[in-house]
C-alpha atoms as a PDB file:
ATOM      1  CA  MET A   1     -62.551  51.413  32.581  1.00  0.00           C
ATOM      2  CA  ASP A   2     -60.993  48.072  32.561  1.00  0.00           C
ATOM      3  CA  LYS A   3     -57.343  47.862  34.082  1.00  0.00           C
ATOM      4  CA  ILE A   4     -54.664  46.162  31.589  1.00  0.00           C
ATOM      5  CA  ASP A   5     -52.521  43.562  33.362  1.00  0.00           C
ATOM      6  CA  PHE A   6     -49.169  44.690  31.847  1.00  0.00           C
ATOM      7  CA  THR A   7     -47.450  41.863  33.764  1.00  0.00           C
ATOM      8  CA  SER A   8     -49.270  39.270  32.288  1.00  0.00           C
ATOM      9  CA  SER A   9     -48.751  40.385  28.650  1.00  0.00           C
ATOM     10  CA  LYS A  10     -45.090  41.130  28.957  1.00  0.00           C
ATOM     11  CA  SER A  11     -44.357  37.730  30.364  1.00  0.00           C
ATOM     12  CA  GLY A  12     -46.314  36.406  27.779  1.00  0.00           C
ATOM     13  CA  SER A  13     -44.584  37.831  24.943  1.00  0.00           C
ATOM     14  CA  LEU A  14     -41.290  36.323  26.182  1.00  0.00           C
ATOM     15  CA  PRO A  15     -40.156  33.343  24.816  1.00  0.00           C
ATOM     16  CA  SER A  16     -39.544  30.688  27.350  1.00  0.00           C
ATOM     17  CA  SER A  17     -36.070  29.165  27.853  1.00  0.00           C
ATOM     18  CA  LYS A  18     -37.003  25.846  29.194  1.00  0.00           C
ATOM     19  CA  PRO A  19     -36.848  24.272  25.534  1.00  0.00           C
ATOM     20  CA  TYR A  20     -33.637  25.649  24.906  1.00  0.00           C
ATOM     21  CA  GLN A  21     -32.319  24.603  27.926  1.00  0.00           C
ATOM     22  CA  LYS A  22     -33.740  21.067  26.836  1.00  0.00           C
ATOM     23  CA  SER A  23     -32.093  21.172  23.750  1.00  0.00           C
ATOM     24  CA  SER A  24     -28.663  21.994  25.268  1.00  0.00           C
ATOM     25  CA  ARG A  25     -28.817  19.285  27.623  1.00  0.00           C
ATOM     26  CA  ALA A  26     -29.871  16.492  24.945  1.00  0.00           C
ATOM     27  CA  SER A  27     -26.985  17.670  22.730  1.00  0.00           C
ATOM     28  CA  TYR A  28     -24.543  17.741  25.993  1.00  0.00           C
ATOM     29  CA  LYS A  29     -25.564  14.051  26.612  1.00  0.00           C
ATOM     30  CA  ARG A  30     -25.349  12.768  22.905  1.00  0.00           C
ATOM     31  CA  TYR A  31     -21.583  14.147  22.962  1.00  0.00           C
ATOM     32  CA  LEU A  32     -20.692  12.862  26.275  1.00  0.00           C
ATOM     33  CA  ILE A  33     -22.193   9.078  24.875  1.00  0.00           C
ATOM     34  CA  PHE A  34     -20.458   9.948  21.305  1.00  0.00           C
ATOM     35  CA  THR A  35     -17.097  10.273  23.743  1.00  0.00           C
ATOM     36  CA  LEU A  36     -17.264   7.693  25.942  1.00  0.00           C
ATOM     37  CA  LEU A  37     -18.222   4.902  22.952  1.00  0.00           C
ATOM     38  CA  VAL A  38     -15.245   6.540  21.130  1.00  0.00           C
ATOM     39  CA  ALA A  39     -12.787   6.618  23.497  1.00  0.00           C
ATOM     40  CA  PRO A  40     -11.720   3.232  23.871  1.00  0.00           C
ATOM     41  CA  ALA A  41     -11.047   2.731  20.272  1.00  0.00           C
ATOM     42  CA  PHE A  42      -9.362   6.035  20.243  1.00  0.00           C
ATOM     43  CA  LEU A  43      -7.161   5.420  23.307  1.00  0.00           C
ATOM     44  CA  LEU A  44      -6.606   1.730  21.741  1.00  0.00           C
ATOM     45  CA  ARG A  45      -5.402   3.274  18.428  1.00  0.00           C
ATOM     46  CA  LEU A  46      -3.282   5.576  20.067  1.00  0.00           C
ATOM     47  CA  SER A  47      -1.444   2.933  22.304  1.00  0.00           C
ATOM     48  CA  THR A  48      -0.802   0.996  19.293  1.00  0.00           C
ATOM     49  CA  ALA A  49       0.026   3.508  16.417  1.00  0.00           C
ATOM     50  CA  ALA A  50       0.855   7.179  17.951  1.00  0.00           C
ATOM     51  CA  TYR A  51       3.176   5.832  20.772  1.00  0.00           C
ATOM     52  CA  PRO A  52       5.085   3.405  18.565  1.00  0.00           C
ATOM     53  CA  ILE A  53       6.203   6.047  16.136  1.00  0.00           C
ATOM     54  CA  LEU A  54       6.960   8.432  18.675  1.00  0.00           C
ATOM     55  CA  GLN A  55       9.158   5.948  20.193  1.00  0.00           C
ATOM     56  CA  THR A  56      10.767   4.832  17.007  1.00  0.00           C
ATOM     57  CA  ILE A  57      11.424   8.736  16.446  1.00  0.00           C
ATOM     58  CA  TYR A  58      13.040   9.102  19.846  1.00  0.00           C
ATOM     59  CA  LEU A  59      15.165   5.914  19.381  1.00  0.00           C
ATOM     60  CA  SER A  60      16.286   7.053  15.926  1.00  0.00           C
ATOM     61  CA  PHE A  61      18.196   9.816  17.994  1.00  0.00           C
ATOM     62  CA  LYS A  62      20.008   7.310  20.386  1.00  0.00           C
ATOM     63  CA  ASN A  63      22.882   4.992  19.729  1.00  0.00           C
ATOM     64  CA  LEU A  64      21.004   2.152  21.315  1.00  0.00           C
ATOM     65  CA  SER A  65      22.617  -1.530  20.978  1.00  0.00           C
ATOM     66  CA  VAL A  66      22.117  -4.506  23.131  1.00  0.00           C
ATOM     67  CA  LEU A  67      25.054  -6.164  21.887  1.00  0.00           C
ATOM     68  CA  LYS A  68      27.490  -3.319  22.385  1.00  0.00           C
ATOM     69  CA  GLY A  69      25.619  -2.171  25.652  1.00  0.00           C
ATOM     70  CA  THR A  70      25.270   1.246  24.479  1.00  0.00           C
ATOM     71  CA  ASP A  71      22.552   3.474  25.250  1.00  0.00           C
ATOM     72  CA  GLU A  72      23.625   7.062  24.482  1.00  0.00           C
ATOM     73  CA  PHE A  73      22.083  10.232  22.957  1.00  0.00           C
ATOM     74  CA  ILE A  74      23.679  11.250  19.422  1.00  0.00           C
ATOM     75  CA  GLY A  75      21.465  13.651  17.868  1.00  0.00           C
ATOM     76  CA  PHE A  76      21.146  13.174  14.107  1.00  0.00           C
ATOM     77  CA  GLY A  77      24.185  10.393  13.985  1.00  0.00           C
ATOM     78  CA  ASN A  78      22.056   7.834  12.836  1.00  0.00           C
ATOM     79  CA  TYR A  79      20.927   9.732  10.040  1.00  0.00           C
ATOM     80  CA  ILE A  80      24.205  10.823   9.118  1.00  0.00           C
ATOM     81  CA  LYS A  81      25.431   7.439   9.076  1.00  0.00           C
ATOM     82  CA  MET A  82      22.625   6.115   6.628  1.00  0.00           C
ATOM     83  CA  THR A  83      24.078   8.365   3.957  1.00  0.00           C
ATOM     84  CA  THR A  84      27.476   6.420   4.102  1.00  0.00           C
ATOM     85  CA  ASP A  85      26.254   2.910   4.893  1.00  0.00           C
ATOM     86  CA  PHE A  86      26.537   0.788   2.106  1.00  0.00           C
ATOM     87  CA  GLY A  87      23.704  -1.700   2.720  1.00  0.00           C
ATOM     88  CA  VAL A  88      21.129   1.185   3.376  1.00  0.00           C
ATOM     89  CA  ARG A  89      21.799   3.355   0.140  1.00  0.00           C
ATOM     90  CA  ASN A  90      21.639  -0.188  -2.136  1.00  0.00           C
ATOM     91  CA  ALA A  91      18.448  -0.892  -0.128  1.00  0.00           C
ATOM     92  CA  PHE A  92      17.082   2.586  -0.645  1.00  0.00           C
ATOM     93  CA  LEU A  93      17.860   2.817  -4.331  1.00  0.00           C
ATOM     94  CA  PHE A  94      16.198  -0.794  -5.002  1.00  0.00           C
ATOM     95  CA  THR A  95      13.455   0.018  -2.932  1.00  0.00           C
ATOM     96  CA  ILE A  96      12.514   2.878  -5.294  1.00  0.00           C
ATOM     97  CA  THR A  97      13.138   0.563  -8.258  1.00  0.00           C
ATOM     98  CA  PHE A  98      10.902  -2.106  -6.920  1.00  0.00           C
ATOM     99  CA  VAL A  99       8.047  -0.399  -5.846  1.00  0.00           C
ATOM    100  CA  VAL A 100       7.970   1.800  -9.000  1.00  0.00           C
ATOM    101  CA  ALA A 101       8.666  -1.252 -11.044  1.00  0.00           C
ATOM    102  CA  THR A 102       6.166  -3.821  -9.144  1.00  0.00           C
ATOM    103  CA  THR A 103       3.242  -0.938  -9.336  1.00  0.00           C
ATOM    104  CA  LEU A 104       3.592  -0.331 -12.819  1.00  0.00           C
ATOM    105  CA  LEU A 105       3.710  -3.791 -13.797  1.00  0.00           C
ATOM    106  CA  ASP A 106       0.604  -4.598 -11.345  1.00  0.00           C
ATOM    107  CA  LEU A 107      -1.432  -1.877 -13.079  1.00  0.00           C
ATOM    108  CA  LEU A 108      -0.374  -3.315 -16.524  1.00  0.00           C
ATOM    109  CA  ILE A 109      -0.631  -6.805 -16.180  1.00  0.00           C
ATOM    110  CA  GLY A 110      -3.897  -6.243 -14.321  1.00  0.00           C
ATOM    111  CA  MET A 111      -5.612  -4.170 -16.759  1.00  0.00           C
ATOM    112  CA  VAL A 112      -4.536  -6.652 -19.456  1.00  0.00           C
ATOM    113  CA  ILE A 113      -6.095  -9.502 -17.354  1.00  0.00           C
ATOM    114  CA  ALA A 114      -9.218  -7.461 -16.456  1.00  0.00           C
ATOM    115  CA  LEU A 115     -10.069  -6.839 -20.044  1.00  0.00           C
ATOM    116  CA  LEU A 116      -9.850 -10.358 -21.090  1.00  0.00           C
ATOM    117  CA  LEU A 117     -12.115 -11.181 -17.898  1.00  0.00           C
ATOM    118  CA  ASN A 118     -14.333  -8.510 -18.810  1.00  0.00           C
ATOM    119  CA  SER A 119     -15.198 -10.111 -22.285  1.00  0.00           C
ATOM    120  CA  ASN A 120     -17.832 -12.575 -23.201  1.00  0.00           C
ATOM    121  CA  PHE A 121     -16.448 -16.355 -23.726  1.00  0.00           C
ATOM    122  CA  ARG A 122     -17.234 -19.498 -22.131  1.00  0.00           C
ATOM    123  CA  GLY A 123     -16.014 -20.454 -18.997  1.00  0.00           C
ATOM    124  CA  ARG A 124     -15.434 -16.839 -17.636  1.00  0.00           C
ATOM    125  CA  LEU A 125     -16.288 -17.608 -14.146  1.00  0.00           C
ATOM    126  CA  PHE A 126     -13.824 -20.105 -13.695  1.00  0.00           C
ATOM    127  CA  ALA A 127     -11.131 -17.898 -15.184  1.00  0.00           C
ATOM    128  CA  ARG A 128     -11.900 -15.375 -12.450  1.00  0.00           C
ATOM    129  CA  THR A 129     -11.880 -17.578 -10.221  1.00  0.00           C
ATOM    130  CA  ILE A 130      -8.430 -19.761 -10.776  1.00  0.00           C
ATOM    131  CA  ASN A 131      -7.128 -15.999 -11.250  1.00  0.00           C
ATOM    132  CA  LEU A 132      -6.986 -15.343  -7.878  1.00  0.00           C
ATOM    133  CA  ILE A 133      -4.923 -18.194  -6.819  1.00  0.00           C
ATOM    134  CA  PRO A 134      -1.692 -16.529  -6.768  1.00  0.00           C
ATOM    135  CA  TRP A 135      -2.895 -13.670  -4.908  1.00  0.00           C
ATOM    136  CA  ALA A 136      -4.424 -16.255  -2.503  1.00  0.00           C
ATOM    137  CA  ILE A 137      -1.222 -18.036  -1.503  1.00  0.00           C
ATOM    138  CA  PRO A 138       0.743 -16.482   1.426  1.00  0.00           C
ATOM    139  CA  THR A 139       3.681 -14.184  -0.009  1.00  0.00           C
ATOM    140  CA  ILE A 140       6.399 -15.664   2.506  1.00  0.00           C
ATOM    141  CA  VAL A 141       5.329 -19.133   0.854  1.00  0.00           C
ATOM    142  CA  ALA A 142       5.326 -17.990  -2.895  1.00  0.00           C
ATOM    143  CA  GLY A 143       8.962 -16.513  -1.797  1.00  0.00           C
ATOM    144  CA  TYR A 144      10.007 -19.921  -0.725  1.00  0.00           C
ATOM    145  CA  VAL A 145       8.228 -21.640  -3.573  1.00  0.00           C
ATOM    146  CA  PHE A 146       9.755 -19.818  -6.277  1.00  0.00           C
ATOM    147  CA  ARG A 147      13.340 -20.244  -4.452  1.00  0.00           C
ATOM    148  CA  TRP A 148      12.938 -23.541  -4.706  1.00  0.00           C
ATOM    149  CA  LEU A 149      11.505 -23.485  -8.447  1.00  0.00           C
ATOM    150  CA  LEU A 150      14.577 -21.271  -9.441  1.00  0.00           C
ATOM    151  CA  ASP A 151      17.477 -22.971  -7.617  1.00  0.00           C
ATOM    152  CA  ASP A 152      20.345 -23.694 -10.016  1.00  0.00           C
ATOM    153  CA  GLN A 153      21.003 -27.336  -8.610  1.00  0.00           C
ATOM    154  CA  PHE A 154      17.271 -28.758  -8.619  1.00  0.00           C
ATOM    155  CA  GLY A 155      15.095 -25.962  -9.348  1.00  0.00           C
ATOM    156  CA  ILE A 156      12.815 -27.174 -12.333  1.00  0.00           C
ATOM    157  CA  ILE A 157      12.949 -23.619 -14.225  1.00  0.00           C
ATOM    158  CA  PRO A 158      16.379 -23.666 -14.952  1.00  0.00           C
ATOM    159  CA  PHE A 159      16.371 -27.253 -15.928  1.00  0.00           C
ATOM    160  CA  TRP A 160      13.543 -26.439 -18.547  1.00  0.00           C
ATOM    161  CA  ILE A 161      15.724 -23.801 -19.511  1.00  0.00           C
ATOM    162  CA  GLY A 162      18.351 -25.929 -19.820  1.00  0.00           C
ATOM    163  CA  GLN A 163      16.747 -28.661 -21.806  1.00  0.00           C
ATOM    164  CA  ILE A 164      15.495 -26.082 -24.508  1.00  0.00           C
ATOM    165  CA  SER A 165      18.408 -23.753 -24.924  1.00  0.00           C
ATOM    166  CA  GLY A 166      21.102 -25.651 -23.662  1.00  0.00           C
ATOM    167  CA  ILE A 167      22.072 -22.464 -21.286  1.00  0.00           C
ATOM    168  CA  HIS A 168      21.988 -23.415 -17.387  1.00  0.00           C
ATOM    169  CA  PRO A 169      21.141 -20.080 -15.718  1.00  0.00           C
ATOM    170  CA  VAL A 170      22.356 -19.431 -12.068  1.00  0.00           C
ATOM    171  CA  ILE A 171      19.829 -16.605 -11.127  1.00  0.00           C
ATOM    172  CA  PHE A 172      20.665 -15.968  -7.627  1.00  0.00           C
ATOM    173  CA  ILE A 173      24.212 -14.721  -7.740  1.00  0.00           C
ATOM    174  CA  ASN A 174      23.619 -12.307 -10.537  1.00  0.00           C
ATOM    175  CA  PRO A 175      22.551  -9.088  -8.978  1.00  0.00           C
ATOM    176  CA  LEU A 176      20.546  -7.930 -11.783  1.00  0.00           C
ATOM    177  CA  ALA A 177      18.843 -11.208 -12.318  1.00  0.00           C
ATOM    178  CA  SER A 178      17.993 -11.551  -8.642  1.00  0.00           C
ATOM    179  CA  GLN A 179      16.592  -8.038  -8.906  1.00  0.00           C
ATOM    180  CA  ILE A 180      14.326  -8.745 -12.405  1.00  0.00           C
ATOM    181  CA  THR A 181      13.228 -12.325 -10.338  1.00  0.00           C
ATOM    182  CA  VAL A 182      12.032 -10.552  -7.266  1.00  0.00           C
ATOM    183  CA  ILE A 183      10.056  -7.779  -9.107  1.00  0.00           C
ATOM    184  CA  LEU A 184       8.503 -10.534 -11.671  1.00  0.00           C
ATOM    185  CA  VAL A 185       7.694 -12.715  -9.026  1.00  0.00           C
ATOM    186  CA  HIS A 186       5.945 -10.125  -7.101  1.00  0.00           C
ATOM    187  CA  ALA A 187       4.031  -8.815 -10.132  1.00  0.00           C
ATOM    188  CA  TRP A 188       2.823 -12.527 -10.474  1.00  0.00           C
ATOM    189  CA  LYS A 189       1.792 -12.591  -7.116  1.00  0.00           C
ATOM    190  CA  ASP A 190      -0.079  -9.458  -6.737  1.00  0.00           C
ATOM    191  CA  ALA A 191      -1.357  -8.660 -10.487  1.00  0.00           C
ATOM    192  CA  PRO A 192      -4.573 -11.150  -9.924  1.00  0.00           C
ATOM    193  CA  PHE A 193      -5.535  -8.949  -7.095  1.00  0.00           C
ATOM    194  CA  MET A 194      -5.194  -5.849  -9.054  1.00  0.00           C
ATOM    195  CA  ALA A 195      -7.087  -7.448 -12.216  1.00  0.00           C
ATOM    196  CA  ILE A 196     -10.115  -8.232 -10.021  1.00  0.00           C
ATOM    197  CA  ILE A 197     -10.220  -4.920  -8.381  1.00  0.00           C
ATOM    198  CA  LEU A 198     -10.156  -2.694 -12.105  1.00  0.00           C
ATOM    199  CA  LEU A 199     -12.655  -5.743 -13.356  1.00  0.00           C
ATOM    200  CA  ALA A 200     -14.992  -4.434 -10.737  1.00  0.00           C
ATOM    201  CA  GLY A 201     -14.569  -0.743 -12.085  1.00  0.00           C
ATOM    202  CA  MET A 202     -15.321  -1.808 -15.568  1.00  0.00           C
ATOM    203  CA  GLN A 203     -18.287  -3.249 -14.851  1.00  0.00           C
ATOM    204  CA  GLY A 204     -19.616  -0.310 -13.379  1.00  0.00           C
ATOM    205  CA  ILE A 205     -19.680   1.462 -16.753  1.00  0.00           C
ATOM    206  CA  PRO A 206     -22.858   1.849 -18.284  1.00  0.00           C
ATOM    207  CA  GLY A 207     -23.252  -0.443 -21.495  1.00  0.00           C
ATOM    208  CA  GLU A 208     -25.085   2.186 -23.245  1.00  0.00           C
ATOM    209  CA  LEU A 209     -21.891   4.268 -23.383  1.00  0.00           C
ATOM    210  CA  TYR A 210     -20.227   1.559 -25.493  1.00  0.00           C
ATOM    211  CA  ASP A 211     -23.308   1.056 -27.671  1.00  0.00           C
ATOM    212  CA  ALA A 212     -23.229   4.811 -28.459  1.00  0.00           C
ATOM    213  CA  ALA A 213     -19.457   4.398 -29.137  1.00  0.00           C
ATOM    214  CA  ARG A 214     -20.023   1.374 -31.737  1.00  0.00           C
ATOM    215  CA  VAL A 215     -23.091   3.581 -33.195  1.00  0.00           C
ATOM    216  CA  ASP A 216     -20.861   6.590 -33.817  1.00  0.00           C
ATOM    217  CA  GLY A 217     -18.030   4.163 -35.462  1.00  0.00           C
ATOM    218  CA  ALA A 218     -15.376   3.785 -32.555  1.00  0.00           C
ATOM    219  CA  ASN A 219     -13.281   0.925 -32.937  1.00  0.00           C
ATOM    220  CA  ALA A 220     -12.487  -1.533 -29.730  1.00  0.00           C
ATOM    221  CA  VAL A 221      -9.342   0.850 -29.094  1.00  0.00           C
ATOM    222  CA  GLN A 222     -10.659   3.558 -29.206  1.00  0.00           C
ATOM    223  CA  ARG A 223     -13.414   2.649 -26.907  1.00  0.00           C
ATOM    224  CA  PHE A 224     -10.679   1.379 -24.543  1.00  0.00           C
ATOM    225  CA  TRP A 225      -8.542   4.721 -24.699  1.00  0.00           C
ATOM    226  CA  LYS A 226     -11.668   7.201 -24.772  1.00  0.00           C
ATOM    227  CA  LEU A 227     -14.175   5.290 -22.263  1.00  0.00           C
ATOM    228  CA  THR A 228     -12.752   2.703 -20.592  1.00  0.00           C
ATOM    229  CA  ILE A 229      -9.286   4.294 -19.565  1.00  0.00           C
ATOM    230  CA  PRO A 230     -10.945   7.682 -18.505  1.00  0.00           C
ATOM    231  CA  LEU A 231     -13.791   6.576 -16.390  1.00  0.00           C
ATOM    232  CA  VAL A 232     -11.494   3.718 -14.414  1.00  0.00           C
ATOM    233  CA  MET A 233      -8.657   6.242 -13.712  1.00  0.00           C
ATOM    234  CA  PRO A 234      -9.732   7.416 -10.494  1.00  0.00           C
ATOM    235  CA  LEU A 235      -9.833   3.463  -9.396  1.00  0.00           C
ATOM    236  CA  THR A 236      -6.194   2.823 -11.184  1.00  0.00           C
ATOM    237  CA  ILE A 237      -4.749   5.925  -9.203  1.00  0.00           C
ATOM    238  CA  THR A 238      -6.444   4.678  -5.746  1.00  0.00           C
ATOM    239  CA  MET A 239      -5.086   1.072  -6.432  1.00  0.00           C
ATOM    240  CA  GLY A 240      -1.830   2.520  -7.624  1.00  0.00           C
ATOM    241  CA  LEU A 241      -1.335   4.462  -4.387  1.00  0.00           C
ATOM    242  CA  PHE A 242      -2.198   1.688  -2.373  1.00  0.00           C
ATOM    243  CA  ARG A 243      -0.049  -0.902  -3.986  1.00  0.00           C
ATOM    244  CA  LEU A 244       2.920   1.839  -3.704  1.00  0.00           C
ATOM    245  CA  VAL A 245       2.774   1.902   0.002  1.00  0.00           C
ATOM    246  CA  TRP A 246       1.941  -1.774   0.540  1.00  0.00           C
ATOM    247  CA  SER A 247       5.201  -2.301  -1.562  1.00  0.00           C
ATOM    248  CA  LEU A 248       7.438   0.255   0.607  1.00  0.00           C
ATOM    249  CA  GLY A 249       6.544  -1.732   3.789  1.00  0.00           C
ATOM    250  CA  SER A 250       6.600  -5.361   2.652  1.00  0.00           C
ATOM    251  CA  PHE A 251       9.563  -7.744   2.517  1.00  0.00           C
ATOM    252  CA  ASP A 252       8.322 -10.983   3.246  1.00  0.00           C
ATOM    253  CA  LEU A 253       8.790 -11.761  -0.648  1.00  0.00           C
ATOM    254  CA  VAL A 254      12.543 -10.777  -0.502  1.00  0.00           C
ATOM    255  CA  TYR A 255      12.821 -12.282   2.933  1.00  0.00           C
ATOM    256  CA  GLY A 256      11.557 -15.866   1.385  1.00  0.00           C
ATOM    257  CA  LEU A 257      13.048 -15.666  -2.276  1.00  0.00           C
ATOM    258  CA  THR A 258      16.716 -14.028  -1.681  1.00  0.00           C
ATOM    259  CA  PHE A 259      16.760 -12.544   1.770  1.00  0.00           C
ATOM    260  CA  GLY A 260      18.150  -9.542  -0.047  1.00  0.00           C
ATOM    261  CA  GLY A 261      20.966 -11.020  -1.550  1.00  0.00           C
ATOM    262  CA  PRO A 262      23.297 -11.746  -3.466  1.00  0.00           C
ATOM    263  CA  GLY A 263      24.942  -9.274  -0.584  1.00  0.00           C
ATOM    264  CA  VAL A 264      22.414  -6.636  -0.532  1.00  0.00           C
ATOM    265  CA  ALA A 265      21.443  -6.260  -4.147  1.00  0.00           C
ATOM    266  CA  THR A 266      17.930  -7.230  -3.702  1.00  0.00           C
ATOM    267  CA  SER A 267      17.667  -5.627  -0.108  1.00  0.00           C
ATOM    268  CA  VAL A 268      14.575  -3.550   0.551  1.00  0.00           C
ATOM    269  CA  LEU A 269      14.182  -0.976   3.298  1.00  0.00           C
ATOM    270  CA  ALA A 270      11.893  -2.781   5.665  1.00  0.00           C
ATOM    271  CA  LEU A 271      14.240  -5.650   5.344  1.00  0.00           C
ATOM    272  CA  GLN A 272      16.995  -3.697   6.392  1.00  0.00           C
ATOM    273  CA  VAL A 273      15.137  -2.619   9.396  1.00  0.00           C
ATOM    274  CA  PHE A 274      14.810  -6.054  10.280  1.00  0.00           C
ATOM    275  CA  ARG A 275      18.184  -6.777   9.500  1.00  0.00           C
ATOM    276  CA  GLU A 276      19.426  -4.054  11.857  1.00  0.00           C
ATOM    277  CA  GLY A 277      16.829  -4.296  14.533  1.00  0.00           C
ATOM    278  CA  ILE A 278      15.945  -7.951  15.234  1.00  0.00           C
ATOM    279  CA  LEU A 279      19.481  -9.697  13.639  1.00  0.00           C
ATOM    280  CA  PHE A 280      21.890  -7.277  14.859  1.00  0.00           C
ATOM    281  CA  PHE A 281      20.139  -5.848  17.691  1.00  0.00           C
ATOM    282  CA  LYS A 282      20.899  -2.105  16.748  1.00  0.00           C
ATOM    283  CA  PHE A 283      17.676  -0.461  17.594  1.00  0.00           C
ATOM    284  CA  GLY A 284      18.654   3.013  17.436  1.00  0.00           C
ATOM    285  CA  PHE A 285      20.215   2.884  13.602  1.00  0.00           C
ATOM    286  CA  ALA A 286      17.040   0.437  12.687  1.00  0.00           C
ATOM    287  CA  SER A 287      14.972   3.146  14.236  1.00  0.00           C
ATOM    288  CA  ALA A 288      16.405   5.865  11.965  1.00  0.00           C
ATOM    289  CA  ILE A 289      15.514   3.514   8.962  1.00  0.00           C
ATOM    290  CA  SER A 290      12.174   3.274  10.025  1.00  0.00           C
ATOM    291  CA  VAL A 291      11.651   7.111  10.064  1.00  0.00           C
ATOM    292  CA  MET A 292      13.183   7.296   6.941  1.00  0.00           C
ATOM    293  CA  LEU A 293      10.616   5.060   5.612  1.00  0.00           C
ATOM    294  CA  LEU A 294       7.683   6.477   7.230  1.00  0.00           C
ATOM    295  CA  VAL A 295       8.864   9.935   5.581  1.00  0.00           C
ATOM    296  CA  ILE A 296       9.152   8.260   2.041  1.00  0.00           C
ATOM    297  CA  VAL A 297       5.163   6.584   2.832  1.00  0.00           C
ATOM    298  CA  ALA A 298       3.863  10.170   4.018  1.00  0.00           C
ATOM    299  CA  ILE A 299       5.497  11.959   0.839  1.00  0.00           C
ATOM    300  CA  VAL A 300       4.075   8.850  -1.480  1.00  0.00           C
ATOM    301  CA  GLY A 301       0.649   9.275   0.257  1.00  0.00           C
ATOM    302  CA  VAL A 302       0.612  12.993  -0.217  1.00  0.00           C
ATOM    303  CA  LEU A 303       1.200  12.992  -3.927  1.00  0.00           C
ATOM    304  CA  GLY A 304      -1.083  10.063  -4.194  1.00  0.00           C
ATOM    305  CA  LEU A 305      -4.050  11.910  -2.858  1.00  0.00           C
ATOM    306  CA  TYR A 306      -3.236  15.054  -4.921  1.00  0.00           C
ATOM    307  CA  MET A 307      -3.196  13.190  -8.262  1.00  0.00           C
ATOM    308  CA  PHE A 308      -6.492  11.479  -6.939  1.00  0.00           C
ATOM    309  CA  ARG A 309      -8.300  14.745  -6.500  1.00  0.00           C
ATOM    310  CA  LYS A 310      -6.671  16.021  -9.654  1.00  0.00           C
ATOM    311  CA  SER A 311      -8.010  13.017 -11.539  1.00  0.00           C
ATOM    312  CA  GLU A 312     -11.637  13.438 -10.084  1.00  0.00           C
ATOM    313  CA  VAL A 313     -11.624  17.007 -11.307  1.00  0.00           C
ATOM    314  CA  SER A 314     -10.313  16.056 -14.883  1.00  0.00           C
ATOM    315  CA  TYR A 315     -12.809  13.366 -15.214  1.00  0.00           C
END
């Protein structure tokens, strides 16, 4: 009777652990290479973004002033001071007005321009090209140019208004006129960029949908409200969020056009940070304003993401 080799059959029935070990080592090497490649970019981002934010938050709790020579921990003193500071309160109120008004104007004017550029007419390519000229001008340059154009002494726009109506407007000494001017110039500067983005979204809509709507008897207004608006709404919300966040942190147009004047009527929070930190060397107080601006940006970002996801579900 032949003997059965139980040792060989047992060893042959068990799977070998060598392929598993090789797979684990390969995965470990891939993760190690990934970590080594990403680590420099991560450390660079940490040093250029996370550290300044944490340092700003730390300085916001201190009374740090170079001119006065003070450097002491005061807790929430700077934040309490912001509630009573006239310049910060006006800057906060105008920032909200400026951001909301310019974003709505950018979307509205951009939508109108996009609809015009999306239609068929001779010279459409040329019109699309020159549309971007205002956006291509540096913002600080646009601010100084319009300050010259609107100057009551030698500005060409007040001169034309005076020749036509007999009224010689003096814009930059009137708080309300200065605020409206800043908002309108900002819309003139950024609406063309919004128009190009919305135009790209409109061109991505299949033409068969419009053909089917025409067959069903829908006119141009109905096609706009029932097709164009719903289909470009996610893009519109995304660009609106982008403009909101960008406008909250920008101050170059206000700096060049009015420098926050008259008084602090057109001052925004970002310009107030520049004033307190760079001009007056109140680093602690400027840091507190920066933190408040950061919180506002974060709230706007969260609300914008919520609206964007809701629009994706709805449409």
